[in-house]
Amino acid sequence: MNETYEKLAQNLANAWVSGGTIALPVAADAPVSRLDAYTVQDRMAELIGSQVSGWKVGAAVKAVQFFEGHDGPLPGRVFADRTFQTDGVVLAKHVNGAKAECEFAFVLNDALPKGIGPLTADDIINKITFHPAIELAATRFAPGTGGRATTTFDGVADNGTGSAAVLGEAVLDWRKMSLETMLIDACIGDSPAIQAYSGIYRQNPVELMAETLTDLRARGIKFEPGMFLLTGSSTLPTPIRQGQKLTVQFGDLPPLSLTLQ
């Protein structure tokens, strides 16, 4: 890794730990490819040094990529010290510009098939358990800095903009459910309901998991049993502020929540 990217990874890791922000690098110092961005992201995670409990993928669906102006998905790690169960409380000082997202998460129960080829939904569907989930996305880059707009590569380098996650209870009979059309009722406090994606903005989340695990495998990253994957937001990413609480219910499943304290 060159000195410029090493410094960027160090600054991002420091901002992660402190909850602060850093200036967006000027164009000459910014990652210019997905490989560059992954290099910075991996080094950032190494410097943070926390246990990885799972992964997230942002903008997983093509229509969402087009809507948000990305050229592909934004994967990132979820760390154990920012993973919560059912009712999560996240400290506002740890995140900047936080947005709440309602997601389908899957925990891997058995080892993935060996090899380096692409994985399919059929390869993994009997090895995973569904959990309704919430992701808290955030950026370590201060708004209005760097003299340019942020790019997909900036977001990927910044841990895929991942910050924290809340996992609901495991759903044992989930394979009987239509996850692509499942109703999602989410609101922050007494605000109007958050817009849920539908149609082309929703895709089979098991397929999205297979695609993401294939990409991780190509990067030489092991996804071990016990880890989970957040498969992308099924609702419009919505700002959440200190003192507010997001409550969400997926279909008839028990509700879960996230409070920014």
Protein backbone atom coordinates (compact mmCIF):
# COMPACT_ATOMS: atom_id res chain seq x y z
CA MET A 1 0.00 0.00 0.00
CA ASN A 2 1.32 3.45 -0.84
CA GLU A 3 1.81 6.11 1.82
CA THR A 4 -1.24 8.10 0.73
CA TYR A 5 -3.63 5.17 1.18
CA GLU A 6 -1.95 4.12 4.41
CA LYS A 7 -2.54 7.59 5.82
CA LEU A 8 -6.16 7.55 4.65
CA ALA A 9 -6.72 4.17 6.34
CA GLN A 10 -5.15 5.44 9.56
CA ASN A 11 -7.31 8.56 9.54
CA LEU A 12 -10.47 6.55 8.88
CA ALA A 13 -9.64 4.11 11.68
CA ASN A 14 -8.98 6.96 14.10
CA ALA A 15 -12.28 8.58 13.14
CA TRP A 16 -14.07 5.26 13.67
CA VAL A 17 -12.68 4.92 17.19
CA SER A 18 -13.18 8.56 18.20
CA GLY A 19 -16.49 9.12 16.44
CA GLY A 20 -14.98 12.11 14.68
CA THR A 21 -14.73 12.98 11.01
CA ILE A 22 -11.94 13.61 8.56
CA ALA A 23 -11.73 15.66 5.41
CA LEU A 24 -12.60 13.89 2.19
CA PRO A 25 -9.28 13.45 0.37
CA VAL A 26 -8.70 15.62 -2.64
CA ALA A 27 -9.09 13.87 -5.97
CA ALA A 28 -5.36 13.25 -6.35
CA ASP A 29 -5.24 11.35 -3.03
CA ALA A 30 -8.52 9.44 -3.30
CA PRO A 31 -8.96 5.79 -4.28
CA VAL A 32 -9.60 5.57 -8.02
CA SER A 33 -10.60 1.91 -8.31
CA ARG A 34 -12.46 -0.74 -6.37
CA LEU A 35 -9.13 -2.48 -5.70
CA ASP A 36 -7.75 0.74 -4.17
CA ALA A 37 -10.87 1.15 -2.05
CA TYR A 38 -10.73 -2.44 -0.78
CA THR A 39 -7.08 -1.98 0.10
CA VAL A 40 -7.91 1.04 2.26
CA GLN A 41 -10.95 -0.67 3.79
CA ASP A 42 -9.01 -3.80 4.73
CA ARG A 43 -6.24 -1.75 6.30
CA MET A 44 -8.79 0.39 8.17
CA ALA A 45 -10.30 -2.78 9.67
CA GLU A 46 -6.87 -4.09 10.62
CA LEU A 47 -6.10 -0.85 12.44
CA ILE A 48 -9.47 -0.83 14.25
CA GLY A 49 -8.60 -4.31 15.48
CA SER A 50 -12.11 -5.33 16.64
CA GLN A 51 -13.64 -8.74 16.08
CA VAL A 52 -15.72 -8.97 12.91
CA SER A 53 -19.17 -10.39 13.62
CA GLY A 54 -20.50 -10.03 10.09
CA TRP A 55 -20.65 -8.02 6.90
CA LYS A 56 -22.99 -5.56 5.24
CA VAL A 57 -23.57 -4.67 1.62
CA GLY A 58 -24.98 -1.34 0.57
CA ALA A 59 -26.60 -0.57 -2.79
CA ALA A 60 -26.83 -4.29 -3.47
CA VAL A 61 -29.65 -4.00 -6.03
CA LYS A 62 -28.92 -2.55 -9.48
CA ALA A 63 -31.87 -0.14 -9.31
CA VAL A 64 -30.66 1.20 -5.96
CA GLN A 65 -27.15 1.63 -7.39
CA PHE A 66 -28.59 3.73 -10.20
CA PHE A 67 -30.80 5.70 -7.79
CA GLU A 68 -27.91 6.46 -5.41
CA GLY A 69 -25.29 7.01 -8.12
CA HIS A 70 -23.04 4.02 -7.43
CA ASP A 71 -21.26 1.81 -9.93
CA GLY A 72 -21.69 -1.31 -7.79
CA PRO A 73 -22.32 -2.55 -4.25
CA LEU A 74 -20.63 -1.18 -1.11
CA PRO A 75 -19.57 -4.05 1.15
CA GLY A 76 -18.13 -3.48 4.63
CA ARG A 77 -17.50 -5.16 7.93
CA VAL A 78 -19.75 -5.18 11.00
CA PHE A 79 -17.79 -5.30 14.24
CA ALA A 80 -18.85 -7.27 17.30
CA ASP A 81 -18.77 -4.27 19.64
CA ARG A 82 -21.33 -2.53 17.42
CA THR A 83 -23.62 -5.51 16.92
CA PHE A 84 -26.79 -5.62 19.03
CA GLN A 85 -29.70 -7.99 19.55
CA THR A 86 -33.37 -6.99 19.10
CA ASP A 87 -33.18 -3.59 20.88
CA GLY A 88 -29.92 -1.82 20.15
CA VAL A 89 -28.65 1.37 21.74
CA VAL A 90 -25.94 3.11 19.73
CA LEU A 91 -24.02 6.09 21.07
CA ALA A 92 -24.52 9.10 18.82
CA LYS A 93 -20.92 10.17 19.43
CA HIS A 94 -19.75 7.09 17.51
CA VAL A 95 -21.51 7.97 14.26
CA ASN A 96 -21.75 10.93 11.94
CA GLY A 97 -24.69 11.64 9.67
CA ALA A 98 -26.34 8.39 10.75
CA LYS A 99 -29.05 6.85 8.58
CA ALA A 100 -31.24 3.91 9.56
CA GLU A 101 -31.92 1.07 7.14
CA CYS A 102 -34.22 -1.95 7.52
CA GLU A 103 -32.61 -5.10 6.17
CA PHE A 104 -32.77 -8.86 5.78
CA ALA A 105 -29.84 -10.51 7.54
CA PHE A 106 -28.70 -14.11 7.33
CA VAL A 107 -26.46 -16.02 9.73
CA LEU A 108 -24.28 -18.72 8.20
CA ASN A 109 -24.71 -21.99 10.10
CA ASP A 110 -22.42 -24.33 8.15
CA ALA A 111 -19.22 -23.90 6.18
CA LEU A 112 -19.53 -22.69 2.62
CA PRO A 113 -18.75 -25.06 -0.26
CA LYS A 114 -15.04 -25.21 -0.99
CA GLY A 115 -13.62 -23.73 -4.15
CA ILE A 116 -13.21 -20.34 -5.74
CA GLY A 117 -16.11 -20.34 -8.19
CA PRO A 118 -19.28 -18.26 -7.92
CA LEU A 119 -21.81 -19.19 -5.25
CA THR A 120 -25.52 -19.47 -6.01
CA ALA A 121 -28.59 -19.14 -3.84
CA ASP A 122 -28.98 -22.94 -3.99
CA ASP A 123 -25.46 -23.33 -2.55
CA ILE A 124 -26.32 -21.43 0.62
CA ILE A 125 -30.07 -21.51 1.21
CA ASN A 126 -29.93 -24.55 3.50
CA LYS A 127 -26.91 -23.21 5.40
CA ILE A 128 -28.40 -19.93 6.61
CA THR A 129 -30.98 -18.59 9.04
CA PHE A 130 -32.96 -15.39 8.48
CA HIS A 131 -33.01 -12.53 11.00
CA PRO A 132 -34.86 -9.22 10.50
CA ALA A 133 -32.32 -6.48 11.05
CA ILE A 134 -31.46 -2.80 11.17
CA GLU A 135 -28.28 -1.24 9.87
CA LEU A 136 -27.01 2.13 10.99
CA ALA A 137 -25.02 3.59 8.11
CA ALA A 138 -22.68 6.54 8.62
CA THR A 139 -19.68 8.25 7.12
CA ARG A 140 -16.35 9.26 8.54
CA PHE A 141 -15.98 12.00 5.90
CA ALA A 142 -16.98 15.52 6.88
CA PRO A 143 -19.59 17.06 4.54
CA GLY A 144 -18.43 19.78 2.18
CA THR A 145 -14.73 18.86 2.28
CA GLY A 146 -12.29 17.69 -0.37
CA GLY A 147 -13.52 20.09 -3.02
CA ARG A 148 -15.51 17.35 -4.76
CA ALA A 149 -18.44 14.97 -4.45
CA THR A 150 -17.97 11.59 -2.77
CA THR A 151 -17.68 8.55 -5.01
CA THR A 152 -18.49 4.87 -4.69
CA PHE A 153 -14.80 4.24 -4.00
CA ASP A 154 -14.82 6.71 -1.09
CA GLY A 155 -17.78 4.87 0.41
CA VAL A 156 -16.18 1.46 -0.05
CA ALA A 157 -12.92 2.66 1.51
CA ASP A 158 -14.90 4.00 4.49
CA ASN A 159 -16.00 0.48 5.51
CA GLY A 160 -18.82 0.58 2.97
CA THR A 161 -20.34 3.34 5.17
CA GLY A 162 -21.25 0.64 7.70
CA SER A 163 -21.43 1.57 11.38
CA ALA A 164 -23.67 -0.66 13.54
CA ALA A 165 -26.31 -3.38 13.31
CA VAL A 166 -29.26 -4.75 15.26
CA LEU A 167 -30.32 -8.35 14.65
CA GLY A 168 -33.79 -9.57 15.54
CA GLU A 169 -34.72 -13.08 16.58
CA ALA A 170 -34.01 -15.97 14.24
CA VAL A 171 -36.94 -17.00 12.03
CA LEU A 172 -36.86 -20.77 11.63
CA ASP A 173 -39.54 -21.20 8.94
CA TRP A 174 -38.43 -18.26 6.82
CA ARG A 175 -38.10 -20.29 3.59
CA LYS A 176 -41.92 -20.34 3.39
CA MET A 177 -42.02 -16.53 3.34
CA SER A 178 -41.87 -14.19 0.34
CA LEU A 179 -39.11 -11.88 1.53
CA GLU A 180 -39.14 -9.84 -1.67
CA THR A 181 -42.70 -8.65 -0.97
CA MET A 182 -42.77 -8.79 2.84
CA LEU A 183 -44.33 -5.67 4.34
CA ILE A 184 -42.00 -3.52 6.41
CA ASP A 185 -43.52 -1.07 8.90
CA ALA A 186 -40.85 1.28 10.22
CA CYS A 187 -40.92 4.71 11.85
CA ILE A 188 -38.66 6.96 13.87
CA GLY A 189 -40.49 8.24 16.93
CA ASP A 190 -43.87 9.61 15.91
CA SER A 191 -42.71 10.60 12.41
CA PRO A 192 -44.51 9.25 9.32
CA ALA A 193 -43.70 5.72 8.22
CA ILE A 194 -40.43 5.26 6.39
CA GLN A 195 -40.81 4.47 2.70
CA ALA A 196 -40.30 0.76 1.99
CA TYR A 197 -38.73 -0.24 -1.31
CA SER A 198 -40.71 -2.40 -3.71
CA GLY A 199 -40.56 -3.72 -7.25
CA ILE A 200 -37.16 -3.36 -8.92
CA TYR A 201 -35.71 -1.92 -5.70
CA ARG A 202 -36.14 -5.31 -4.00
CA GLN A 203 -34.33 -8.50 -4.97
CA ASN A 204 -34.21 -11.99 -3.50
CA PRO A 205 -31.91 -11.41 -0.50
CA VAL A 206 -30.51 -14.95 -0.68
CA GLU A 207 -29.30 -14.18 -4.21
CA LEU A 208 -27.76 -10.96 -2.92
CA MET A 209 -25.97 -12.92 -0.20
CA ALA A 210 -24.60 -15.40 -2.73
CA GLU A 211 -23.29 -12.54 -4.88
CA THR A 212 -21.66 -10.83 -1.90
CA LEU A 213 -20.04 -14.00 -0.58
CA THR A 214 -18.70 -14.68 -4.07
CA ASP A 215 -17.07 -11.25 -4.08
CA LEU A 216 -15.61 -11.75 -0.60
CA ARG A 217 -14.22 -15.11 -1.68
CA ALA A 218 -12.58 -13.46 -4.70
CA ARG A 219 -10.90 -11.03 -2.28
CA GLY A 220 -9.54 -13.94 -0.26
CA ILE A 221 -11.80 -13.16 2.72
CA LYS A 222 -13.29 -16.05 4.68
CA PHE A 223 -16.92 -15.85 5.74
CA GLU A 224 -17.08 -18.22 8.68
CA PRO A 225 -20.06 -20.03 10.28
CA GLY A 226 -21.59 -17.76 12.92
CA MET A 227 -21.08 -14.63 10.83
CA PHE A 228 -24.04 -12.73 9.40
CA LEU A 229 -24.64 -10.64 6.31
CA LEU A 230 -26.89 -7.59 6.01
CA THR A 231 -28.13 -7.84 2.43
CA GLY A 232 -28.95 -4.19 1.72
CA SER A 233 -31.66 -1.77 2.73
CA SER A 234 -35.29 -2.55 1.93
CA THR A 235 -36.34 0.93 3.05
CA LEU A 236 -35.25 4.42 2.13
CA PRO A 237 -32.14 5.26 4.22
CA THR A 238 -33.49 7.75 6.74
CA PRO A 239 -31.57 10.17 8.99
CA ILE A 240 -31.82 9.43 12.70
CA ARG A 241 -30.71 11.91 15.36
CA GLN A 242 -29.56 11.67 18.94
CA GLY A 243 -32.45 10.77 21.25
CA GLN A 244 -34.55 9.21 18.50
CA LYS A 245 -35.71 5.59 18.31
CA LEU A 246 -36.42 3.55 15.19
CA THR A 247 -38.97 0.76 15.57
CA VAL A 248 -39.54 -1.70 12.73
CA GLN A 249 -41.72 -4.73 12.13
CA PHE A 250 -41.20 -7.14 9.26
CA GLY A 251 -44.52 -8.73 8.35
CA ASP A 252 -45.95 -10.47 11.41
CA LEU A 253 -42.55 -10.98 13.04
CA PRO A 254 -41.69 -9.52 16.47
CA PRO A 255 -40.58 -5.87 16.28
CA LEU A 256 -37.03 -4.69 16.82
CA SER A 257 -35.59 -1.25 17.48
CA LEU A 258 -32.54 0.97 17.45
CA THR A 259 -32.08 4.00 19.67
CA LEU A 260 -29.44 6.66 18.98
CA GLN A 261 -28.45 7.78 22.45
